[in-house]
């Protein structure tokens, strides 16, 4: 593991960057797999940050 994002702001920016460039809605499990696959982001940091992004209205939570 060479580099790991630890600051919440960095993790949130990374998540938003991925979502913007994917260009289509994806489910939480897929997003989680993408973000934490190389241990670039810790699993717990990801969940904490994605919840904060949803609460802030930066990410839409779509339920089917």
C-alpha atoms as a PDB file:
ATOM      1  CA  UNK A   1       0.000   0.000   0.000  1.00  0.00           C
ATOM      2  CA  UNK A   2       1.866   3.052  -1.257  1.00  0.00           C
ATOM      3  CA  UNK A   3      -0.667   5.807  -0.695  1.00  0.00           C
ATOM      4  CA  UNK A   4      -3.870   6.070   1.287  1.00  0.00           C
ATOM      5  CA  UNK A   5      -6.299   8.966   1.534  1.00  0.00           C
ATOM      6  CA  UNK A   6      -6.961   9.707   5.183  1.00  0.00           C
ATOM      7  CA  UNK A   7      -8.424  13.225   5.211  1.00  0.00           C
ATOM      8  CA  UNK A   8     -12.215  13.261   4.915  1.00  0.00           C
ATOM      9  CA  UNK A   9     -12.122  16.123   2.437  1.00  0.00           C
ATOM     10  CA  UNK A  10      -9.761  14.181   0.159  1.00  0.00           C
ATOM     11  CA  UNK A  11     -11.949  11.083   0.303  1.00  0.00           C
ATOM     12  CA  UNK A  12     -15.088  13.097  -0.488  1.00  0.00           C
ATOM     13  CA  UNK A  13     -13.410  14.792  -3.445  1.00  0.00           C
ATOM     14  CA  UNK A  14     -12.256  11.406  -4.719  1.00  0.00           C
ATOM     15  CA  UNK A  15     -15.782   9.970  -4.440  1.00  0.00           C
ATOM     16  CA  UNK A  16     -17.325  12.962  -6.201  1.00  0.00           C
ATOM     17  CA  UNK A  17     -14.662  12.829  -8.913  1.00  0.00           C
ATOM     18  CA  UNK A  18     -15.430   9.170  -9.588  1.00  0.00           C
ATOM     19  CA  UNK A  19     -19.177   9.739  -9.676  1.00  0.00           C
ATOM     20  CA  UNK A  20     -18.801  12.696 -12.039  1.00  0.00           C
ATOM     21  CA  UNK A  21     -16.603  10.735 -14.451  1.00  0.00           C
ATOM     22  CA  UNK A  22     -18.589   7.492 -14.392  1.00  0.00           C
ATOM     23  CA  UNK A  23     -21.477   9.488 -15.788  1.00  0.00           C
ATOM     24  CA  UNK A  24     -24.300   7.187 -14.750  1.00  0.00           C
ATOM     25  CA  UNK A  25     -25.881   6.141 -11.465  1.00  0.00           C
ATOM     26  CA  UNK A  26     -24.206   3.214  -9.725  1.00  0.00           C
ATOM     27  CA  UNK A  27     -25.163   1.324  -6.625  1.00  0.00           C
ATOM     28  CA  UNK A  28     -23.380   1.709  -3.295  1.00  0.00           C
ATOM     29  CA  UNK A  29     -21.775  -1.742  -3.441  1.00  0.00           C
ATOM     30  CA  UNK A  30     -20.170  -1.038  -6.820  1.00  0.00           C
ATOM     31  CA  UNK A  31     -18.962   2.381  -5.709  1.00  0.00           C
ATOM     32  CA  UNK A  32     -17.555   0.832  -2.551  1.00  0.00           C
ATOM     33  CA  UNK A  33     -15.702  -1.819  -4.580  1.00  0.00           C
ATOM     34  CA  UNK A  34     -14.187   0.824  -6.854  1.00  0.00           C
ATOM     35  CA  UNK A  35     -13.074   3.119  -4.043  1.00  0.00           C
ATOM     36  CA  UNK A  36     -11.614   0.576  -1.633  1.00  0.00           C
ATOM     37  CA  UNK A  37     -10.326  -2.086  -4.062  1.00  0.00           C
ATOM     38  CA  UNK A  38      -6.636  -1.088  -3.825  1.00  0.00           C
ATOM     39  CA  UNK A  39      -6.903   0.091  -0.209  1.00  0.00           C
ATOM     40  CA  UNK A  40      -6.574   3.663  -1.492  1.00  0.00           C
ATOM     41  CA  UNK A  41      -9.431   4.516   0.875  1.00  0.00           C
ATOM     42  CA  UNK A  42     -10.300   2.723   4.103  1.00  0.00           C
ATOM     43  CA  UNK A  43     -13.708   0.993   4.161  1.00  0.00           C
ATOM     44  CA  UNK A  44     -14.851   2.897   7.250  1.00  0.00           C
ATOM     45  CA  UNK A  45     -13.700   6.249   5.862  1.00  0.00           C
ATOM     46  CA  UNK A  46     -15.629   5.553   2.657  1.00  0.00           C
ATOM     47  CA  UNK A  47     -18.877   4.780   4.471  1.00  0.00           C
ATOM     48  CA  UNK A  48     -18.532   7.781   6.753  1.00  0.00           C
ATOM     49  CA  UNK A  49     -17.836  10.143   3.854  1.00  0.00           C
ATOM     50  CA  UNK A  50     -20.557   8.810   1.551  1.00  0.00           C
ATOM     51  CA  UNK A  51     -23.114   9.248   4.355  1.00  0.00           C
ATOM     52  CA  UNK A  52     -21.969  12.829   4.886  1.00  0.00           C
ATOM     53  CA  UNK A  53     -22.199  13.518   1.137  1.00  0.00           C
ATOM     54  CA  UNK A  54     -25.763  12.174   1.036  1.00  0.00           C
ATOM     55  CA  UNK A  55     -26.756  14.222   4.110  1.00  0.00           C
ATOM     56  CA  UNK A  56     -25.239  17.357   2.562  1.00  0.00           C
ATOM     57  CA  UNK A  57     -27.143  16.790  -0.683  1.00  0.00           C
ATOM     58  CA  UNK A  58     -23.978  16.412  -2.788  1.00  0.00           C
ATOM     59  CA  UNK A  59     -24.945  12.838  -3.736  1.00  0.00           C
ATOM     60  CA  UNK A  60     -28.469  11.672  -4.438  1.00  0.00           C
ATOM     61  CA  UNK A  61     -29.655   8.500  -2.794  1.00  0.00           C
ATOM     62  CA  UNK A  62     -31.944   6.695  -5.199  1.00  0.00           C
ATOM     63  CA  UNK A  63     -34.058   3.794  -3.971  1.00  0.00           C
ATOM     64  CA  UNK A  64     -35.818   1.405  -6.286  1.00  0.00           C
END
